[in-house]
C-alpha atoms as a PDB file:
ATOM      1  CA  MET A   1      -0.054  -0.064  -0.062  1.00  0.00           C
ATOM      2  CA  ARG A   2       1.497   3.395  -1.242  1.00  0.00           C
ATOM      3  CA  LYS A   3       1.075   6.223   1.321  1.00  0.00           C
ATOM      4  CA  PHE A   4       1.262  10.013   0.404  1.00  0.00           C
ATOM      5  CA  ASN A   5       2.374   9.176  -2.953  1.00  0.00           C
ATOM      6  CA  ASN A   6       5.636   7.593  -1.907  1.00  0.00           C
ATOM      7  CA  LYS A   7       7.785   5.577  -4.336  1.00  0.00           C
ATOM      8  CA  LYS A   8       8.916   2.417  -3.251  1.00  0.00           C
ATOM      9  CA  VAL A   9      12.705   1.777  -3.343  1.00  0.00           C
ATOM     10  CA  VAL A  10      14.796  -1.264  -3.527  1.00  0.00           C
ATOM     11  CA  LEU A  11      18.438  -0.875  -2.445  1.00  0.00           C
ATOM     12  CA  ASP A  12      21.090  -3.319  -1.028  1.00  0.00           C
ATOM     13  CA  ASP A  13      18.357  -6.015  -1.566  1.00  0.00           C
ATOM     14  CA  ARG A  14      16.056  -4.279   0.873  1.00  0.00           C
ATOM     15  CA  ARG A  15      12.808  -2.687   0.274  1.00  0.00           C
ATOM     16  CA  PHE A  16      12.214   0.962   1.358  1.00  0.00           C
ATOM     17  CA  ASP A  17       8.757   2.663   1.531  1.00  0.00           C
ATOM     18  CA  SER A  18      10.121   5.804   0.309  1.00  0.00           C
ATOM     19  CA  GLN A  19      13.285   7.399  -1.706  1.00  0.00           C
ATOM     20  CA  ALA A  20      13.807   9.365   1.253  1.00  0.00           C
ATOM     21  CA  GLU A  21      14.203   6.545   3.759  1.00  0.00           C
ATOM     22  CA  ALA A  22      16.337   4.674   1.182  1.00  0.00           C
ATOM     23  CA  LYS A  23      18.709   7.721   0.997  1.00  0.00           C
ATOM     24  CA  HIS A  24      18.803   8.110   4.806  1.00  0.00           C
ATOM     25  CA  TYR A  25      20.075   4.401   4.909  1.00  0.00           C
ATOM     26  CA  TRP A  26      22.336   5.000   2.001  1.00  0.00           C
ATOM     27  CA  PHE A  27      23.941   8.291   2.857  1.00  0.00           C
ATOM     28  CA  VAL A  28      23.808   8.294   6.583  1.00  0.00           C
ATOM     29  CA  LEU A  29      23.256   4.919   8.137  1.00  0.00           C
ATOM     30  CA  LYS A  30      25.155   2.666   5.927  1.00  0.00           C
ATOM     31  CA  PRO A  31      28.366   4.765   6.063  1.00  0.00           C
ATOM     32  CA  ARG A  32      28.186   5.001   9.819  1.00  0.00           C
ATOM     33  CA  LEU A  33      27.451   0.955  10.028  1.00  0.00           C
ATOM     34  CA  ASP A  34      30.291   0.252   7.683  1.00  0.00           C
ATOM     35  CA  ALA A  35      32.692   2.693   9.762  1.00  0.00           C
ATOM     36  CA  GLY A  36      31.684   0.830  13.135  1.00  0.00           C
ATOM     37  CA  GLU A  37      29.948   4.083  14.549  1.00  0.00           C
ATOM     38  CA  ILE A  38      26.444   2.275  14.986  1.00  0.00           C
ATOM     39  CA  GLN A  39      25.724  -1.549  15.459  1.00  0.00           C
ATOM     40  CA  ASN A  40      22.777  -4.004  15.278  1.00  0.00           C
ATOM     41  CA  LEU A  41      20.965  -2.035  12.705  1.00  0.00           C
ATOM     42  CA  GLU A  42      17.355  -3.072  12.448  1.00  0.00           C
ATOM     43  CA  PHE A  43      14.900  -2.215   9.589  1.00  0.00           C
ATOM     44  CA  GLN A  44      11.258  -1.526  10.279  1.00  0.00           C
ATOM     45  CA  PRO A  45      11.390  -2.661  14.079  1.00  0.00           C
ATOM     46  CA  ILE A  46       7.843  -3.214  15.476  1.00  0.00           C
ATOM     47  CA  PHE A  47       6.892  -1.656  18.750  1.00  0.00           C
ATOM     48  CA  ARG A  48       3.536  -3.404  20.163  1.00  0.00           C
ATOM     49  CA  ILE A  49       1.494  -1.111  22.670  1.00  0.00           C
ATOM     50  CA  THR A  50      -0.684  -3.259  25.302  1.00  0.00           C
ATOM     51  CA  ILE A  51      -2.498  -1.853  28.215  1.00  0.00           C
ATOM     52  CA  LYS A  52      -3.427  -4.109  31.000  1.00  0.00           C
ATOM     53  CA  GLY A  53      -2.510  -7.288  28.776  1.00  0.00           C
ATOM     54  CA  LYS A  54      -4.789  -6.014  25.926  1.00  0.00           C
ATOM     55  CA  PRO A  55      -3.301  -5.337  22.528  1.00  0.00           C
ATOM     56  CA  ILE A  56      -4.061  -1.674  21.328  1.00  0.00           C
ATOM     57  CA  CYS A  57      -1.788  -1.054  18.323  1.00  0.00           C
ATOM     58  CA  LYS A  58       1.651  -1.583  16.936  1.00  0.00           C
ATOM     59  CA  TYR A  59       4.039   1.043  15.781  1.00  0.00           C
ATOM     60  CA  LEU A  60       6.196   0.293  12.810  1.00  0.00           C
ATOM     61  CA  ALA A  61       9.482   2.601  12.743  1.00  0.00           C
ATOM     62  CA  ASP A  62      11.844   2.729   9.906  1.00  0.00           C
ATOM     63  CA  PHE A  63      15.221   2.031  11.667  1.00  0.00           C
ATOM     64  CA  GLN A  64      16.461   0.930  15.047  1.00  0.00           C
ATOM     65  CA  TYR A  65      20.438   0.784  16.066  1.00  0.00           C
ATOM     66  CA  PHE A  66      22.614   1.078  18.894  1.00  0.00           C
ATOM     67  CA  ASP A  67      24.907   4.046  18.868  1.00  0.00           C
ATOM     68  CA  LYS A  68      27.952   3.730  20.978  1.00  0.00           C
ATOM     69  CA  THR A  69      28.687   7.518  21.081  1.00  0.00           C
ATOM     70  CA  ALA A  70      25.242   8.728  21.694  1.00  0.00           C
ATOM     71  CA  THR A  71      24.119   9.893  25.140  1.00  0.00           C
ATOM     72  CA  GLY A  72      21.302   7.698  26.425  1.00  0.00           C
ATOM     73  CA  PRO A  73      18.299   8.501  28.786  1.00  0.00           C
ATOM     74  CA  GLU A  74      20.248   7.989  31.914  1.00  0.00           C
ATOM     75  CA  GLY A  75      23.196   9.756  30.882  1.00  0.00           C
ATOM     76  CA  GLN A  76      25.122   6.807  29.718  1.00  0.00           C
ATOM     77  CA  ILE A  77      27.261   6.662  26.836  1.00  0.00           C
ATOM     78  CA  GLY A  78      25.732   4.488  23.999  1.00  0.00           C
ATOM     79  CA  ALA A  79      22.096   4.429  23.514  1.00  0.00           C
ATOM     80  CA  LEU A  80      19.427   2.539  21.429  1.00  0.00           C
ATOM     81  CA  ILE A  81      18.203   4.948  18.683  1.00  0.00           C
ATOM     82  CA  VAL A  82      14.847   4.757  16.829  1.00  0.00           C
ATOM     83  CA  GLU A  83      14.347   6.738  13.690  1.00  0.00           C
ATOM     84  CA  ASP A  84      11.490   7.584  11.226  1.00  0.00           C
ATOM     85  CA  VAL A  85      11.686   9.414   8.148  1.00  0.00           C
ATOM     86  CA  LYS A  86       8.738  11.644   7.764  1.00  0.00           C
ATOM     87  CA  GLY A  87       7.645  13.632   4.872  1.00  0.00           C
ATOM     88  CA  TYR A  88       4.188  14.295   6.579  1.00  0.00           C
ATOM     89  CA  SER A  89       3.271  13.715  10.557  1.00  0.00           C
ATOM     90  CA  THR A  90      -0.450  12.433  10.678  1.00  0.00           C
ATOM     91  CA  ASP A  91      -2.384  12.593  14.214  1.00  0.00           C
ATOM     92  CA  VAL A  92      -2.378   8.783  14.277  1.00  0.00           C
ATOM     93  CA  TYR A  93       1.491   8.913  13.964  1.00  0.00           C
ATOM     94  CA  ARG A  94       1.904  11.525  16.847  1.00  0.00           C
ATOM     95  CA  LEU A  95      -0.379   9.528  19.122  1.00  0.00           C
ATOM     96  CA  LYS A  96       1.542   6.340  18.514  1.00  0.00           C
ATOM     97  CA  LYS A  97       4.794   8.093  18.983  1.00  0.00           C
ATOM     98  CA  LYS A  98       3.697   9.155  22.297  1.00  0.00           C
ATOM     99  CA  MET A  99       2.486   5.907  23.221  1.00  0.00           C
ATOM    100  CA  VAL A 100       5.663   4.228  22.258  1.00  0.00           C
ATOM    101  CA  GLU A 101       7.669   6.640  24.252  1.00  0.00           C
ATOM    102  CA  ALA A 102       5.700   6.044  27.232  1.00  0.00           C
ATOM    103  CA  ALA A 103       5.337   2.239  27.099  1.00  0.00           C
ATOM    104  CA  PHE A 104       8.948   1.796  26.448  1.00  0.00           C
ATOM    105  CA  PRO A 105      11.209   3.832  28.999  1.00  0.00           C
ATOM    106  CA  GLY A 106      14.335   5.264  27.533  1.00  0.00           C
ATOM    107  CA  THR A 107      13.131   5.057  23.919  1.00  0.00           C
ATOM    108  CA  LYS A 108      12.943   8.336  21.976  1.00  0.00           C
ATOM    109  CA  ILE A 109      11.943   8.262  18.242  1.00  0.00           C
ATOM    110  CA  SER A 110      14.016  10.642  16.164  1.00  0.00           C
ATOM    111  CA  GLU A 111      12.091  12.228  13.246  1.00  0.00           C
ATOM    112  CA  ILE A 112      14.126  12.783  10.125  1.00  0.00           C
ATOM    113  CA  PRO A 113      12.591  15.268   7.685  1.00  0.00           C
ATOM    114  CA  ALA A 114      12.176  13.800   4.249  1.00  0.00           C
ATOM    115  CA  ALA A 115      12.788  17.150   2.663  1.00  0.00           C
ATOM    116  CA  LYS A 116      16.381  16.878   3.622  1.00  0.00           C
ATOM    117  CA  TYR A 117      16.804  14.407   0.846  1.00  0.00           C
ATOM    118  CA  GLN A 118      15.275  16.450  -1.987  1.00  0.00           C
ATOM    119  CA  SER A 119      18.651  17.733  -2.992  1.00  0.00           C
ATOM    120  CA  LYS A 120      20.483  16.551  -6.083  1.00  0.00           C
ATOM    121  CA  LYS A 121      23.624  15.591  -3.913  1.00  0.00           C
ATOM    122  CA  TYR A 122      21.425  12.843  -2.709  1.00  0.00           C
ATOM    123  CA  THR A 123      21.241  10.691  -5.911  1.00  0.00           C
ATOM    124  CA  LEU A 124      20.736   6.945  -5.196  1.00  0.00           C
ATOM    125  CA  PRO A 125      22.797   4.610  -7.407  1.00  0.00           C
ATOM    126  CA  LEU A 126      21.023   2.827 -10.261  1.00  0.00           C
ATOM    127  CA  PRO A 127      19.746  -0.524  -9.602  1.00  0.00           C
ATOM    128  CA  GLY A 128      22.458  -3.077  -9.972  1.00  0.00           C
ATOM    129  CA  THR A 129      25.135  -0.573  -9.362  1.00  0.00           C
ATOM    130  CA  GLN A 130      25.484  -0.723  -5.618  1.00  0.00           C
ATOM    131  CA  THR A 131      28.494  -1.345  -3.920  1.00  0.00           C
END
């Protein structure tokens, strides 16, 4: 299902829901992963919200990883980072974000503006040419 006219992209044998999401992976996360700055990169991690044992909803983020240089919620060095590339924030998204951050102490969802990747300097490689 396409949301907000996003164009799905396949890059590094992975399917991304938008070009901005693929570009964030390719130009930011992949180089940091390759350099060893981040670890345990997960694509589309799911957070399930339950109240008193009853399933309420699930939240599907774009990325989750461990950043050994980030300052965590308790002031520790090293933190689990959750990111979502957003072109538009819906009411449902904002509600789910609040619920996840409340239900999973220490979890902070960082929003990456999709507009950041509209510049021509962020051109993805043609299919089959990735290295």
